[in-house]
Amino acid sequence: MADKKVRITLVKSTIGASPNQRKVVEGLGLRKLQHAVELPDNPQVRGAIEKIKHLLNVEEL
């Protein structure tokens, strides 16, 4: 599981999102719409994805 990764893309704006959700987006390293990052597939990242899944597109690599 250590070498598995997920690609996370921000597909919906954080305008109107709660301040906590904005902090999660920033914590994942996402900056603006259509920005994608590759992160390790671990429970911490999965928990953050679960909190803002309505703003993201997630694909496993």
N, C-alpha and C. Protein backbone atom coordinates (compact mmCIF):
# COMPACT_ATOMS: atom_id res chain seq x y z
N MET A 1 0.81 -1.19 0.00
CA MET A 1 0.00 0.00 0.00
C MET A 1 0.86 1.26 0.00
N ALA A 2 2.12 1.13 0.36
CA ALA A 2 2.98 2.29 0.45
C ALA A 2 3.28 2.90 -0.91
N ASP A 3 3.27 2.09 -1.97
CA ASP A 3 3.59 2.63 -3.28
C ASP A 3 2.34 3.00 -4.09
N LYS A 4 1.14 2.81 -3.55
CA LYS A 4 -0.08 3.20 -4.24
C LYS A 4 -0.27 4.70 -4.12
N LYS A 5 -0.83 5.28 -5.18
CA LYS A 5 -1.07 6.72 -5.19
C LYS A 5 -2.47 7.00 -5.69
N VAL A 6 -2.97 8.18 -5.36
CA VAL A 6 -4.25 8.66 -5.88
C VAL A 6 -4.02 10.04 -6.49
N ARG A 7 -4.71 10.29 -7.60
CA ARG A 7 -4.66 11.61 -8.23
C ARG A 7 -5.96 12.32 -7.85
N ILE A 8 -5.82 13.49 -7.24
CA ILE A 8 -6.96 14.27 -6.77
C ILE A 8 -7.01 15.56 -7.59
N THR A 9 -8.18 15.84 -8.16
CA THR A 9 -8.38 17.04 -8.97
C THR A 9 -9.51 17.86 -8.37
N LEU A 10 -9.29 19.16 -8.19
CA LEU A 10 -10.33 20.04 -7.70
C LEU A 10 -11.23 20.43 -8.86
N VAL A 11 -12.49 20.00 -8.84
CA VAL A 11 -13.40 20.23 -9.97
C VAL A 11 -14.53 21.20 -9.63
N LYS A 12 -14.67 21.57 -8.36
CA LYS A 12 -15.71 22.52 -7.97
C LYS A 12 -15.07 23.58 -7.07
N SER A 13 -15.52 24.81 -7.23
CA SER A 13 -14.97 25.93 -6.49
C SER A 13 -15.24 25.82 -5.00
N THR A 14 -14.36 26.41 -4.21
CA THR A 14 -14.54 26.44 -2.76
C THR A 14 -15.36 27.65 -2.32
N ILE A 15 -15.83 28.45 -3.27
CA ILE A 15 -16.72 29.56 -2.93
C ILE A 15 -18.00 28.96 -2.35
N GLY A 16 -18.37 29.38 -1.20
CA GLY A 16 -19.55 28.85 -0.55
C GLY A 16 -19.27 27.66 0.36
N ALA A 17 -18.06 27.13 0.30
CA ALA A 17 -17.69 26.02 1.18
C ALA A 17 -17.35 26.57 2.56
N SER A 18 -17.45 25.72 3.55
CA SER A 18 -17.14 26.16 4.91
C SER A 18 -15.64 26.41 5.06
N PRO A 19 -15.24 27.21 6.03
CA PRO A 19 -13.82 27.46 6.25
C PRO A 19 -13.03 26.18 6.51
N ASN A 20 -13.63 25.21 7.20
CA ASN A 20 -12.94 23.95 7.45
C ASN A 20 -12.69 23.19 6.15
N GLN A 21 -13.65 23.21 5.24
CA GLN A 21 -13.47 22.54 3.95
C GLN A 21 -12.38 23.23 3.13
N ARG A 22 -12.31 24.54 3.19
CA ARG A 22 -11.26 25.26 2.47
C ARG A 22 -9.88 24.89 3.00
N LYS A 23 -9.77 24.70 4.31
CA LYS A 23 -8.49 24.31 4.90
C LYS A 23 -8.09 22.90 4.46
N VAL A 24 -9.06 22.02 4.31
CA VAL A 24 -8.77 20.66 3.84
C VAL A 24 -8.26 20.71 2.41
N VAL A 25 -8.90 21.52 1.56
CA VAL A 25 -8.45 21.67 0.17
C VAL A 25 -7.02 22.18 0.14
N GLU A 26 -6.73 23.19 0.94
CA GLU A 26 -5.37 23.74 1.01
C GLU A 26 -4.38 22.71 1.55
N GLY A 27 -4.81 21.95 2.54
CA GLY A 27 -3.95 20.93 3.14
C GLY A 27 -3.59 19.82 2.16
N LEU A 28 -4.48 19.53 1.22
CA LEU A 28 -4.20 18.52 0.20
C LEU A 28 -3.26 19.07 -0.88
N GLY A 29 -3.03 20.37 -0.87
CA GLY A 29 -2.11 20.96 -1.85
C GLY A 29 -2.80 21.45 -3.11
N LEU A 30 -4.12 21.57 -3.07
CA LEU A 30 -4.86 22.04 -4.24
C LEU A 30 -4.98 23.55 -4.18
N ARG A 31 -4.74 24.20 -5.33
CA ARG A 31 -4.71 25.65 -5.36
C ARG A 31 -5.90 26.27 -6.08
N LYS A 32 -6.19 25.80 -7.28
CA LYS A 32 -7.29 26.38 -8.04
C LYS A 32 -7.99 25.30 -8.84
N LEU A 33 -9.07 25.65 -9.49
CA LEU A 33 -9.85 24.67 -10.25
C LEU A 33 -8.99 23.92 -11.26
N GLN A 34 -9.26 22.65 -11.42
CA GLN A 34 -8.58 21.75 -12.34
C GLN A 34 -7.13 21.48 -11.97
N HIS A 35 -6.69 21.93 -10.79
CA HIS A 35 -5.35 21.61 -10.31
C HIS A 35 -5.38 20.19 -9.75
N ALA A 36 -4.40 19.38 -10.14
CA ALA A 36 -4.35 17.98 -9.69
C ALA A 36 -3.05 17.73 -8.93
N VAL A 37 -3.15 16.87 -7.93
CA VAL A 37 -1.98 16.44 -7.18
C VAL A 37 -2.02 14.93 -7.03
N GLU A 38 -0.85 14.34 -6.93
CA GLU A 38 -0.74 12.90 -6.68
C GLU A 38 -0.23 12.72 -5.25
N LEU A 39 -1.00 12.00 -4.46
CA LEU A 39 -0.65 11.79 -3.06
C LEU A 39 -0.67 10.31 -2.75
N PRO A 40 0.04 9.89 -1.70
CA PRO A 40 0.01 8.48 -1.31
C PRO A 40 -1.38 8.07 -0.85
N ASP A 41 -1.73 6.84 -1.12
CA ASP A 41 -3.04 6.32 -0.73
C ASP A 41 -2.93 5.77 0.68
N ASN A 42 -3.23 6.63 1.66
CA ASN A 42 -3.17 6.22 3.06
C ASN A 42 -4.42 6.71 3.79
N PRO A 43 -4.66 6.26 5.00
CA PRO A 43 -5.89 6.64 5.70
C PRO A 43 -6.04 8.14 5.93
N GLN A 44 -4.94 8.86 6.13
CA GLN A 44 -5.03 10.30 6.35
C GLN A 44 -5.56 11.02 5.12
N VAL A 45 -5.03 10.67 3.97
CA VAL A 45 -5.46 11.29 2.72
C VAL A 45 -6.90 10.88 2.40
N ARG A 46 -7.23 9.62 2.62
CA ARG A 46 -8.60 9.14 2.37
C ARG A 46 -9.61 9.87 3.26
N GLY A 47 -9.24 10.15 4.51
CA GLY A 47 -10.13 10.88 5.41
C GLY A 47 -10.36 12.30 4.93
N ALA A 48 -9.30 12.96 4.45
CA ALA A 48 -9.44 14.32 3.92
C ALA A 48 -10.31 14.32 2.67
N ILE A 49 -10.12 13.32 1.80
CA ILE A 49 -10.93 13.21 0.59
C ILE A 49 -12.40 13.03 0.96
N GLU A 50 -12.68 12.24 1.98
CA GLU A 50 -14.06 11.98 2.38
C GLU A 50 -14.77 13.25 2.84
N LYS A 51 -14.04 14.17 3.46
CA LYS A 51 -14.65 15.41 3.95
C LYS A 51 -15.05 16.35 2.82
N ILE A 52 -14.36 16.29 1.69
CA ILE A 52 -14.65 17.23 0.60
C ILE A 52 -14.87 16.51 -0.73
N LYS A 53 -15.41 15.31 -0.67
CA LYS A 53 -15.56 14.50 -1.88
C LYS A 53 -16.47 15.15 -2.92
N HIS A 54 -17.36 16.06 -2.50
CA HIS A 54 -18.24 16.73 -3.44
C HIS A 54 -17.52 17.80 -4.26
N LEU A 55 -16.28 18.13 -3.90
CA LEU A 55 -15.50 19.13 -4.63
C LEU A 55 -14.41 18.49 -5.51
N LEU A 56 -14.23 17.20 -5.40
CA LEU A 56 -13.07 16.53 -6.00
C LEU A 56 -13.45 15.49 -7.03
N ASN A 57 -12.45 15.16 -7.85
CA ASN A 57 -12.47 13.98 -8.69
C ASN A 57 -11.25 13.17 -8.28
N VAL A 58 -11.45 11.91 -7.91
CA VAL A 58 -10.37 11.07 -7.40
C VAL A 58 -10.21 9.86 -8.30
N GLU A 59 -8.97 9.59 -8.71
CA GLU A 59 -8.68 8.36 -9.47
C GLU A 59 -7.45 7.69 -8.87
N GLU A 60 -7.52 6.38 -8.81
CA GLU A 60 -6.42 5.60 -8.26
C GLU A 60 -5.41 5.30 -9.35
N LEU A 61 -4.14 5.39 -9.01
CA LEU A 61 -3.07 5.12 -9.98
C LEU A 61 -2.45 3.76 -9.73
